[in-house]
Structure formats: structure tokens, C-alpha cells
Amino acid sequence: MIQPAKIDTLLSARWIIPVEPVETVLQDHAIAIDKGIIAAILPVEEANEKFTPNERVSLDSHALIPGLVNLHTHAAMTLMRGLADDLPLMEWLNNHIWPAESQHVSSDYVFDGTRLACAEMIKGGITSFNDMYFFPEAAAEAAIAAGIRASIGMIVIDFPSAYASDTEDYLSKGLALREKYQQHPQLSFCFAPHAPYTVSDKAFTRILTYAEQLDLPIHTHLHETKDEIKLSLEFHGMRPIERLHKLGLLGPNLIAVHMTQLTDNEIKLVAQQGCSIAHCPSSNMKLANGFSPIAKLLAQNVNIGLGTDSAASNNRLDMFEEMRLAALLAKVVSEQADVLTARKALLMATLAGASALGIDHITGSLATGKAADITAVDFSDINLMPCYDPISHLIYVAGREQVSHVWVNGKILLSEGQLTTLDKIELQHSATFWQQRIGAANKQ
């Protein structure tokens, strides 16, 4: 008689939604987890026969989904949530955000702000985020402390900051950071040139060389506003996408953020070059930057993930909201109700984001051999009843308040809605300290 295999955890639920295959909904199944990896997904009765777990977790009213992947954020800017609202992007940046950053941003600021962001993201079912900000080592340390998975952006921008003095300094510090942490199981890396209007051709060329050598993604804001297009035409005689294409940056490693200002030819070019897009519907709407032509991009099979952008421009790190808004906006802009289905929206928030970051072999779906990055959503609330289709409910009915449990690499980060790796009281004290400091300076 074959003895049951010993494993760390056996996790069962009413539904398991693995994302691939995209239509799959498994009822009364279990996920066997051992050493942080999914060992098997199988019916509960069969799992009980095959495995002897150290821990059993039964979630009879829940759906288990892959942990959500936030494809674009500036996590530390959570400390500037609500600092300057209801303003156009360039006024918001030039007159409020950049002055505040020049005065307050430091390693401590980034560590505290990123921890606060990690808490919000974990409570909302996010298990991985792609970050772009100053002092990325502090962001990496915050992510490690929280237990969340992070893609750390090696930022480059054409003006000096408290973090770095020039392009060479930004690049050398970023590369040294990657060298230090590249073996860490929670971290991956990408180059993060801020935007075409803040990064020179020379800097982009250097970044491309390194990205090709190291096979790393390049994560940049692109075609976010009409002003960006106008500036590029004035200074470079061409639109930003054309400029980046001539420099060789358009390709499978490019993650283009926002992309609200696109011609049909640019959509075809992006598709031909295999670029990925980080779609940030809430931020685009709040800053009045327009709508990304998602229907046309999907028709060209462009890989599209979802991002929250920062809590300073959203003002929530809420991927459930982004999934719902992405689906609804795509429908109303295209006048096609079926253009972005609930299943596609969930795919964008999970596997598509992981694919853009080059970590889809690790996370983004629930499959044997992948990391146990799992989010549990509780369907027992009367507001979610009745439920005919759990995937539809995830996008159009459920919210982050229904997230009850979160695991990353098999380690539980949220249990019954309570954080396990971060101290709520400590985070509250830290947030209050920075609010008083930034608020006082902003009044001067």
C-alpha cells in the first residue's frame, strides 16, 4: 500500500480558478503545497488519500485564485495619498509631487511608504507588484519584510535626486542592487526609465544595452497624455513611440505604461514588436488622461496587464477595482459588451502581468510546479448571493474587502483578514509621522 506523501499544507475550497486554462472552474478541489510550491491540484477526496499535510485549511465558501499582479505602481508614494488631488498630470507633478519628493524622499521614506503599500496590497489580494521609485533598495527591503513578491525597478531619470546624481549614478546603483538581491526568491528586477520626456536618447540606449545583456524588462510611462505627445513633437520631431522604436526599445521586454494616446498604426506597431502594456484605468481617469484603446489592442493580441499606479494618483492600490473598471471602460469605449470579459479581466490581473515581468513560470496562475501565490475570496457575504458564475462575480461583484487569505511562496501573509507579517499599529504610527511632516511642509 502506498503511504500518503507528507506535505506542508492542504488547501481546499468551494472553487479553484487556476486562470489557465482560462475557462476552468474546479469545484470541491484542493491545492497541495509543499516547500512553497504547488505540488498538485486535485479533488478533495483524492487529495485526502494522497497527502498527509502538516496543516489543513478548508475554505468551503471561498474561491481560490492566483495572487493578483499589480503591473505598475510607485509604492512609496502611498505616503502622498491625497496630497494634491483633482489636477492635470503635469501640474500635479511639477507643482506638487516633485517639489514634495525633493524635500522628503529618503531611504526611510521609501521603506515606510512601501511597507504601508504592501499592507494595502496584501489585504487586497495582491501577491506581486512592479515598482518604480527612488531608493529601490529600501523598497526591496520593505517587500522582503512583508513577504510579498516584487519586481524592483532600477529607476533612471534625467535630473538629480537625493538618490542619484546622473544617469551613470542611477544605472550603477540599480545594477549593484540587482547583483546583491538577484537570488532572492521574492524579488525580480527591471529597468525603469521614468518616461520619454524625462530620459534622454543616450540614457535609453544605455538601458537597452544592459536590458538585452541581462534579459530584463524595461518599464516606462509612454503615451500617457496629449501634452507628452506635443512635447515630443516639439523637441524630437516625432511622437514618443516612434522615437523609442528608432532607438530599438520596442520589443517583448518593453512594459509600456498607460498608452492612452495611440493611433491605429501605433497599435499595430506595438503588436508587431510584442510589447506589453500596463493598463491603469483609475489613474488615467482621475488625471483625465483619456482611455487606452483596449479593444483595438486586444484585437491585435497585445499582452495587457493591469496596474494601480500610485496611491497618490489613484488613490487606492485596489486591483479588484482596476479589473472592474477595465472591463466596463473597454465595453463603453468600444460599444462592445463582450470585448473584455470577466475571464479576460482576471487574466490581465494575474497571468498577463506575470508574463510582462518575465515571471509567468513562477506565478500568475495556479499550476503544479508554480509558487503557491494564492488569494482566497470569501463568497459567504449576502452581497455576493446568489452566485451563478464565480469568475463573473470576482470582477463585477466582489471587492478587496472579501479577500480573507493570501499566501506567497506558500507562506500565509493574510489570515482571516489579518496581516501576519506586518504590524498594523506600527504602520499607523509611521503613516501619521509622515503625514504630519509632509503636511506641515506643504502648508508653508
Protein backbone atom coordinates (compact mmCIF):
# COMPACT_ATOMS: atom_id res chain seq x y z
CA MET A 1 0.00 0.00 0.00
CA ILE A 2 1.36 3.41 -0.99
CA GLN A 3 1.74 5.71 2.00
CA PRO A 4 0.33 9.25 1.69
CA ALA A 5 3.01 11.82 0.94
CA LYS A 6 3.82 14.32 3.67
CA ILE A 7 3.33 17.96 2.64
CA ASP A 8 3.17 21.32 4.37
CA THR A 9 -0.39 22.41 3.58
CA LEU A 10 -3.57 21.06 2.00
CA LEU A 11 -5.83 23.93 0.99
CA SER A 12 -9.39 23.15 -0.12
CA ALA A 13 -12.12 25.47 -1.29
CA ARG A 14 -15.55 25.60 -2.91
CA TRP A 15 -13.96 26.78 -6.16
CA ILE A 16 -10.44 26.88 -7.52
CA ILE A 17 -9.98 29.19 -10.51
CA PRO A 18 -6.48 28.48 -11.88
CA VAL A 19 -6.68 31.04 -14.77
CA GLU A 20 -5.08 28.61 -17.17
CA PRO A 21 -6.95 27.10 -18.89
CA VAL A 22 -8.85 30.37 -18.87
CA GLU A 23 -12.39 28.91 -18.62
CA THR A 24 -11.58 26.41 -15.86
CA VAL A 25 -13.50 26.44 -12.58
CA LEU A 26 -12.77 23.48 -10.31
CA GLN A 27 -15.34 22.63 -7.64
CA ASP A 28 -14.51 20.87 -4.38
CA HIS A 29 -10.82 20.61 -5.19
CA ALA A 30 -7.70 21.07 -3.11
CA ILE A 31 -4.24 22.52 -3.60
CA ALA A 32 -1.34 20.56 -2.13
CA ILE A 33 1.52 22.89 -1.11
CA ASP A 34 4.99 21.79 -0.13
CA LYS A 35 8.10 23.92 0.35
CA GLY A 36 6.28 26.91 -1.13
CA ILE A 37 5.40 25.13 -4.38
CA ILE A 38 2.08 23.78 -5.67
CA ALA A 39 2.56 20.00 -5.62
CA ALA A 40 -0.86 19.12 -7.03
CA ILE A 41 -4.40 20.37 -7.67
CA LEU A 42 -6.94 17.57 -7.40
CA PRO A 43 -10.37 16.63 -6.00
CA VAL A 44 -10.59 16.83 -2.21
CA GLU A 45 -11.27 13.09 -1.71
CA GLU A 46 -8.27 12.15 -3.82
CA ALA A 47 -6.10 14.73 -2.03
CA ASN A 48 -7.01 13.26 1.35
CA GLU A 49 -5.86 9.85 0.15
CA LYS A 50 -2.61 11.02 -1.43
CA PHE A 51 -1.33 13.53 1.12
CA THR A 52 -0.75 13.90 4.84
CA PRO A 53 -0.44 17.63 5.47
CA ASN A 54 1.04 19.40 8.46
CA GLU A 55 -1.82 21.86 8.12
CA ARG A 56 -5.30 21.62 6.60
CA VAL A 57 -7.15 24.77 5.55
CA SER A 58 -10.78 24.31 4.46
CA LEU A 59 -12.46 27.32 2.89
CA ASP A 60 -15.88 25.97 1.97
CA SER A 61 -17.41 29.27 0.87
CA HIS A 62 -14.37 30.66 -0.95
CA ALA A 63 -12.83 30.92 -4.39
CA LEU A 64 -9.08 30.45 -4.69
CA ILE A 65 -7.41 32.46 -7.45
CA PRO A 66 -3.80 33.21 -8.36
CA GLY A 67 -2.43 36.13 -6.37
CA LEU A 68 -3.07 39.38 -8.25
CA VAL A 69 -0.15 41.04 -10.07
CA ASN A 70 -0.01 44.85 -9.88
CA LEU A 71 1.93 45.64 -13.05
CA HIS A 72 2.61 49.32 -12.31
CA THR A 73 2.97 51.28 -9.12
CA HIS A 74 5.18 53.67 -7.18
CA ALA A 75 4.61 52.02 -3.81
CA ALA A 76 6.33 54.57 -1.56
CA MET A 77 4.06 57.33 -2.86
CA THR A 78 1.34 55.86 -0.66
CA LEU A 79 2.61 58.40 1.88
CA MET A 80 1.38 61.14 -0.52
CA ARG A 81 -2.11 59.71 -0.86
CA GLY A 82 -4.50 62.64 -1.34
CA LEU A 83 -1.76 65.28 -1.13
CA ALA A 84 -2.75 67.01 -4.37
CA ASP A 85 -5.96 65.83 -6.00
CA ASP A 86 -8.11 66.89 -8.95
CA LEU A 87 -5.24 68.29 -11.02
CA PRO A 88 -3.89 67.58 -14.52
CA LEU A 89 -0.80 65.36 -14.64
CA MET A 90 1.89 67.93 -15.40
CA GLU A 91 0.55 70.47 -12.91
CA TRP A 92 0.24 67.69 -10.35
CA LEU A 93 3.85 66.60 -10.97
CA ASN A 94 5.58 69.97 -11.42
CA ASN A 95 3.83 71.96 -8.71
CA HIS A 96 3.13 69.38 -6.04
CA ILE A 97 4.63 65.90 -6.30
CA TRP A 98 8.15 66.65 -7.50
CA PRO A 99 8.63 69.53 -5.00
CA ALA A 100 7.40 67.29 -2.16
CA GLU A 101 9.68 64.48 -3.29
CA SER A 102 12.72 66.75 -3.45
CA GLN A 103 12.06 67.76 0.16
CA HIS A 104 11.09 64.45 1.76
CA VAL A 105 12.16 61.40 -0.23
CA SER A 106 14.83 59.34 1.51
CA SER A 107 15.59 55.71 2.19
CA ASP A 108 13.45 55.85 5.35
CA TYR A 109 10.58 57.45 3.46
CA VAL A 110 10.67 54.74 0.78
CA PHE A 111 10.91 51.90 3.30
CA ASP A 112 7.98 53.20 5.36
CA GLY A 113 5.86 54.10 2.34
CA THR A 114 6.46 50.78 0.64
CA ARG A 115 5.58 48.81 3.77
CA LEU A 116 2.32 50.75 4.03
CA ALA A 117 1.63 49.98 0.36
CA CYS A 118 2.47 46.30 0.87
CA ALA A 119 -0.07 46.09 3.69
CA GLU A 120 -2.79 47.57 1.49
CA MET A 121 -1.89 45.34 -1.45
CA ILE A 122 -1.78 42.15 0.61
CA LYS A 123 -5.16 42.95 2.16
CA GLY A 124 -6.47 43.37 -1.38
CA GLY A 125 -5.19 40.03 -2.66
CA ILE A 126 -2.10 41.33 -4.48
CA THR A 127 0.87 38.99 -4.21
CA SER A 128 3.24 40.69 -6.67
CA PHE A 129 3.89 44.29 -7.67
CA ASN A 130 6.09 46.08 -10.20
CA ASP A 131 7.65 49.17 -8.66
CA MET A 132 9.30 52.31 -10.00
CA TYR A 133 10.74 54.72 -7.47
CA PHE A 134 13.81 56.23 -5.87
CA PHE A 135 15.86 54.29 -3.27
CA PRO A 136 14.79 50.91 -4.70
CA GLU A 137 16.89 49.03 -2.12
CA ALA A 138 14.58 50.36 0.59
CA ALA A 139 11.58 49.17 -1.45
CA ALA A 140 13.19 45.75 -1.81
CA GLU A 141 13.77 45.50 1.94
CA ALA A 142 10.17 46.52 2.63
CA ALA A 143 8.84 43.87 0.25
CA ILE A 144 11.07 41.22 1.82
CA ALA A 145 9.83 42.17 5.28
CA ALA A 146 6.21 42.00 4.14
CA GLY A 147 6.70 38.66 2.38
CA ILE A 148 5.23 39.93 -0.89
CA ARG A 149 6.75 39.35 -4.33
CA ALA A 150 8.17 42.47 -6.03
CA SER A 151 9.76 43.43 -9.30
CA ILE A 152 12.11 46.23 -8.32
CA GLY A 153 12.59 48.98 -10.87
CA MET A 154 16.11 50.27 -11.46
CA ILE A 155 14.99 53.85 -11.98
CA VAL A 156 16.63 56.30 -14.38
CA ILE A 157 15.62 59.93 -14.76
CA ASP A 158 17.47 62.89 -16.26
CA PHE A 159 17.62 65.02 -13.16
CA PRO A 160 19.49 64.59 -9.88
CA SER A 161 17.68 63.44 -6.78
CA ALA A 162 18.55 62.53 -3.22
CA TYR A 163 19.08 59.02 -4.55
CA ALA A 164 21.41 59.60 -7.53
CA SER A 165 23.19 62.43 -9.34
CA ASP A 166 23.04 61.48 -13.02
CA THR A 167 22.33 58.65 -15.48
CA GLU A 168 25.55 56.81 -14.64
CA ASP A 169 24.84 57.02 -10.93
CA TYR A 170 21.25 55.76 -11.34
CA LEU A 171 22.39 52.85 -13.50
CA SER A 172 25.36 51.84 -11.36
CA LYS A 173 23.28 51.87 -8.18
CA GLY A 174 20.48 49.91 -9.84
CA LEU A 175 22.82 47.28 -11.22
CA ALA A 176 24.59 46.91 -7.88
CA LEU A 177 21.21 46.41 -6.22
CA ARG A 178 20.27 43.68 -8.69
CA GLU A 179 23.62 41.97 -8.12
CA LYS A 180 23.00 42.00 -4.37
CA TYR A 181 19.45 40.64 -4.43
CA GLN A 182 19.06 38.72 -7.69
CA GLN A 183 18.93 35.34 -5.96
CA HIS A 184 16.22 36.37 -3.50
CA PRO A 185 13.08 34.25 -4.08
CA GLN A 186 10.69 37.21 -3.66
CA LEU A 187 12.46 39.64 -5.98
CA SER A 188 12.92 40.19 -9.69
CA PHE A 189 14.22 43.29 -11.46
CA CYS A 190 13.53 45.55 -14.41
CA PHE A 191 14.94 48.78 -15.79
CA ALA A 192 12.66 51.72 -15.04
CA PRO A 193 13.41 54.80 -17.17
CA HIS A 194 10.74 57.21 -15.99
CA ALA A 195 9.35 58.49 -19.30
CA PRO A 196 10.46 59.77 -22.73
CA TYR A 197 10.09 63.38 -21.53
CA THR A 198 12.50 62.80 -18.61
CA VAL A 199 15.03 60.40 -20.18
CA SER A 200 17.49 61.20 -22.98
CA ASP A 201 18.25 59.13 -26.08
CA LYS A 202 21.71 58.38 -24.68
CA ALA A 203 20.24 57.04 -21.44
CA PHE A 204 17.65 54.94 -23.27
CA THR A 205 20.40 53.45 -25.44
CA ARG A 206 22.47 52.51 -22.39
CA ILE A 207 19.44 50.95 -20.75
CA LEU A 208 18.62 48.93 -23.86
CA THR A 209 22.16 47.54 -23.99
CA TYR A 210 22.01 46.38 -20.38
CA ALA A 211 18.45 45.03 -20.76
CA GLU A 212 19.47 42.90 -23.73
CA GLN A 213 22.57 41.61 -21.95
CA LEU A 214 20.68 40.72 -18.77
CA ASP A 215 17.34 39.80 -20.42
CA LEU A 216 15.38 42.17 -18.20
CA PRO A 217 12.14 44.08 -18.87
CA ILE A 218 12.11 47.84 -19.46
CA HIS A 219 9.25 49.53 -17.61
CA THR A 220 8.37 53.11 -18.65
CA HIS A 221 5.49 55.57 -18.85
CA LEU A 222 4.56 56.02 -22.50
CA HIS A 223 1.89 57.99 -24.38
CA GLU A 224 0.17 58.91 -21.13
CA THR A 225 -1.05 62.39 -22.10
CA LYS A 226 -1.64 64.66 -25.07
CA ASP A 227 0.97 67.06 -23.60
CA GLU A 228 3.58 64.29 -23.77
CA ILE A 229 2.91 63.86 -27.50
CA LYS A 230 3.04 67.62 -28.09
CA LEU A 231 6.37 67.99 -26.24
CA SER A 232 7.91 65.12 -28.15
CA LEU A 233 6.88 66.61 -31.50
CA GLU A 234 8.36 69.97 -30.48
CA PHE A 235 11.69 68.64 -29.15
CA HIS A 236 12.25 65.47 -31.18
CA GLY A 237 10.13 65.99 -34.27
CA MET A 238 8.33 62.70 -33.72
CA ARG A 239 5.90 61.00 -31.38
CA PRO A 240 7.39 59.14 -28.38
CA ILE A 241 6.64 55.66 -29.70
CA GLU A 242 8.37 56.44 -32.98
CA ARG A 243 11.35 57.76 -31.04
CA LEU A 244 11.61 54.65 -28.88
CA HIS A 245 11.16 52.44 -31.94
CA LYS A 246 14.07 54.17 -33.70
CA LEU A 247 16.17 53.67 -30.57
CA GLY A 248 15.31 49.95 -30.61
CA LEU A 249 13.31 49.84 -27.37
CA LEU A 250 10.07 48.46 -28.73
CA GLY A 251 10.13 44.72 -28.21
CA PRO A 252 8.94 41.84 -26.00
CA ASN A 253 10.84 43.23 -22.98
CA LEU A 254 9.05 46.61 -23.02
CA ILE A 255 6.28 47.29 -20.50
CA ALA A 256 4.60 50.48 -21.73
CA VAL A 257 2.51 52.13 -19.02
CA HIS A 258 -0.79 53.95 -19.72
CA MET A 259 -0.77 54.16 -23.55
CA THR A 260 -3.87 56.34 -23.80
CA GLN A 261 -2.78 58.28 -26.91
CA LEU A 262 -2.40 55.75 -29.72
CA THR A 263 -3.04 55.80 -33.45
CA ASP A 264 -4.11 52.67 -35.29
CA ASN A 265 -0.65 52.37 -36.84
CA GLU A 266 0.97 52.64 -33.39
CA ILE A 267 -1.30 49.87 -32.12
CA LYS A 268 -0.16 47.65 -34.99
CA LEU A 269 3.47 48.54 -34.29
CA VAL A 270 3.17 47.67 -30.61
CA ALA A 271 1.59 44.35 -31.54
CA GLN A 272 4.21 43.57 -34.19
CA GLN A 273 7.03 44.26 -31.72
CA GLY A 274 5.48 42.11 -28.98
CA CYS A 275 5.33 44.86 -26.33
CA SER A 276 3.29 44.54 -23.15
CA ILE A 277 1.05 47.26 -21.76
CA ALA A 278 0.33 48.16 -18.15
CA HIS A 279 -3.25 49.46 -18.22
CA CYS A 280 -4.10 51.78 -15.30
CA PRO A 281 -7.77 52.74 -15.73
CA SER A 282 -8.31 54.50 -12.38
CA SER A 283 -5.22 56.70 -12.70
CA ASN A 284 -5.98 57.53 -16.33
CA MET A 285 -9.49 58.62 -15.38
CA LYS A 286 -8.52 60.57 -12.26
CA LEU A 287 -5.82 62.56 -14.08
CA ALA A 288 -8.11 62.99 -17.11
CA ASN A 289 -5.55 61.46 -19.45
CA GLY A 290 -8.00 59.60 -21.67
CA PHE A 291 -8.78 55.96 -22.38
CA SER A 292 -6.38 53.31 -23.56
CA PRO A 293 -7.87 51.67 -26.71
CA ILE A 294 -8.08 48.27 -25.08
CA ALA A 295 -10.49 46.74 -27.60
CA LYS A 296 -8.16 47.53 -30.51
CA LEU A 297 -5.12 46.32 -28.58
CA LEU A 298 -6.83 43.04 -27.66
CA ALA A 299 -7.86 42.57 -31.29
CA GLN A 300 -4.13 42.68 -32.13
CA ASN A 301 -3.33 40.15 -29.35
CA VAL A 302 -1.24 42.64 -27.35
CA ASN A 303 -0.38 41.38 -23.86
CA ILE A 304 -2.12 43.70 -21.38
CA GLY A 305 -1.71 43.63 -17.62
CA LEU A 306 -3.32 45.86 -15.01
CA GLY A 307 -1.73 48.35 -12.63
CA THR A 308 -2.99 50.68 -9.96
CA ASP A 309 -0.33 53.38 -10.45
CA SER A 310 0.49 55.09 -7.15
CA ALA A 311 -1.86 55.82 -4.29
CA ALA A 312 -1.02 59.48 -4.92
CA SER A 313 -2.78 59.38 -8.30
CA ASN A 314 -5.42 56.68 -7.88
CA ASN A 315 -5.86 56.86 -4.71
CA ARG A 316 -6.21 53.12 -3.98
CA LEU A 317 -3.98 50.12 -4.58
CA ASP A 318 -7.05 48.07 -5.40
CA MET A 319 -6.78 45.53 -8.21
CA PHE A 320 -10.41 44.45 -7.84
CA GLU A 321 -11.40 48.00 -8.74
CA GLU A 322 -8.97 48.00 -11.69
CA MET A 323 -10.38 44.72 -13.02
CA ARG A 324 -13.95 46.01 -12.87
CA LEU A 325 -13.12 49.40 -14.36
CA ALA A 326 -11.02 47.86 -17.13
CA ALA A 327 -13.88 45.60 -18.16
CA LEU A 328 -16.52 48.32 -18.02
CA LEU A 329 -14.44 51.01 -19.76
CA ALA A 330 -13.48 48.69 -22.59
CA LYS A 331 -17.15 47.95 -23.18
CA VAL A 332 -18.35 51.55 -23.18
CA VAL A 333 -15.45 52.92 -25.26
CA SER A 334 -15.75 50.19 -27.91
CA GLU A 335 -19.54 49.80 -27.62
CA GLN A 336 -18.98 46.04 -27.49
CA ALA A 337 -20.29 44.28 -24.38
CA ASP A 338 -18.17 41.18 -24.93
CA VAL A 339 -14.86 42.87 -25.78
CA LEU A 340 -13.29 42.42 -22.33
CA THR A 341 -15.00 39.61 -20.47
CA ALA A 342 -14.65 38.82 -16.79
CA ARG A 343 -12.31 35.97 -17.71
CA LYS A 344 -10.07 38.27 -19.73
CA ALA A 345 -10.04 40.83 -16.91
CA LEU A 346 -8.92 38.19 -14.41
CA LEU A 347 -6.25 37.00 -16.84
CA MET A 348 -4.98 40.59 -17.22
CA ALA A 349 -4.73 40.96 -13.42
CA THR A 350 -2.77 37.73 -13.00
CA LEU A 351 -1.02 35.78 -15.76
CA ALA A 352 -0.71 38.67 -18.25
CA GLY A 353 1.06 40.82 -15.66
CA ALA A 354 3.36 37.98 -14.67
CA SER A 355 4.16 37.34 -18.34
CA ALA A 356 5.09 41.00 -18.88
CA LEU A 357 7.51 40.78 -15.97
CA GLY A 358 9.01 37.51 -17.17
CA ILE A 359 7.90 35.64 -14.04
CA ASP A 360 4.97 33.67 -15.51
CA HIS A 361 6.93 30.45 -14.96
CA ILE A 362 6.79 31.24 -11.23
CA THR A 363 3.43 32.92 -10.65
CA GLY A 364 0.30 34.29 -12.32
CA SER A 365 -1.70 31.05 -12.42
CA LEU A 366 -2.34 28.06 -10.19
CA ALA A 367 -0.45 25.13 -11.65
CA THR A 368 1.68 22.25 -10.45
CA GLY A 369 5.29 23.37 -10.06
CA LYS A 370 4.50 27.07 -9.68
CA ALA A 371 4.88 29.07 -6.49
CA ALA A 372 1.95 28.91 -4.11
CA ASP A 373 0.93 32.55 -4.61
CA ILE A 374 -2.76 32.28 -3.79
CA THR A 375 -5.60 34.62 -2.88
CA ALA A 376 -8.81 33.44 -1.20
CA VAL A 377 -12.03 35.39 -1.75
CA ASP A 378 -14.94 34.78 0.62
CA PHE A 379 -18.29 34.43 -1.16
CA SER A 380 -20.37 33.96 2.01
CA ASP A 381 -21.39 37.64 2.25
CA ILE A 382 -25.05 38.18 1.41
CA ASN A 383 -23.95 40.89 -1.04
CA LEU A 384 -22.43 38.16 -3.22
CA MET A 385 -25.55 35.95 -3.28
CA PRO A 386 -26.69 34.23 -5.40
CA CYS A 387 -23.66 33.23 -7.47
CA TYR A 388 -24.14 31.60 -10.86
CA ASP A 389 -20.62 32.25 -12.16
CA PRO A 390 -17.76 32.77 -9.68
CA ILE A 391 -15.45 34.37 -12.27
CA SER A 392 -18.07 36.93 -13.21
CA HIS A 393 -18.64 37.59 -9.51
CA LEU A 394 -14.93 38.20 -8.93
CA ILE A 395 -14.95 41.06 -11.46
CA TYR A 396 -18.41 42.60 -11.14
CA VAL A 397 -19.48 41.90 -7.54
CA ALA A 398 -16.63 41.05 -5.18
CA GLY A 399 -14.25 43.66 -3.77
CA ARG A 400 -11.00 43.62 -1.88
CA GLU A 401 -12.98 43.55 1.38
CA GLN A 402 -13.89 39.92 0.53
CA VAL A 403 -10.21 38.85 0.46
CA SER A 404 -9.71 36.65 3.51
CA HIS A 405 -6.39 34.84 3.00
CA VAL A 406 -3.22 35.43 0.98
CA TRP A 407 -0.21 33.15 0.52
CA VAL A 408 3.10 33.94 -1.23
CA ASN A 409 5.53 31.08 -1.76
CA GLY A 410 3.22 29.05 0.47
CA LYS A 411 3.65 31.46 3.41
CA ILE A 412 0.46 32.99 4.74
CA LEU A 413 0.55 36.81 4.72
CA LEU A 414 -3.16 37.37 5.45
CA SER A 415 -5.26 35.08 7.62
CA GLU A 416 -8.98 35.75 8.17
CA GLY A 417 -8.36 39.31 7.00
CA GLN A 418 -5.50 39.93 9.43
CA LEU A 419 -1.93 40.71 8.37
CA THR A 420 0.60 38.19 9.65
CA THR A 421 3.92 39.79 8.63
CA LEU A 422 3.25 43.49 9.22
CA ASP A 423 2.23 45.28 12.41
CA LYS A 424 -0.87 47.41 11.89
CA ILE A 425 -0.16 49.72 14.85
CA GLU A 426 3.42 50.31 13.73
CA LEU A 427 2.20 51.16 10.21
CA GLN A 428 -0.36 53.60 11.61
CA HIS A 429 2.30 55.39 13.67
CA SER A 430 4.63 55.59 10.68
CA ALA A 431 1.91 56.95 8.39
CA THR A 432 0.95 59.57 10.97
CA PHE A 433 4.57 60.70 11.33
CA TRP A 434 4.95 61.25 7.58
CA GLN A 435 1.53 62.87 7.27
CA GLN A 436 2.46 65.46 9.88
CA ARG A 437 5.88 66.08 8.35
CA ILE A 438 4.72 66.36 4.73
CA GLY A 439 1.52 68.17 5.62
CA ALA A 440 3.35 70.83 7.63
CA ALA A 441 5.83 71.44 4.82
CA ASN A 442 3.04 71.62 2.24
CA LYS A 443 1.36 74.47 4.14
CA GLN A 444 4.49 76.67 4.16
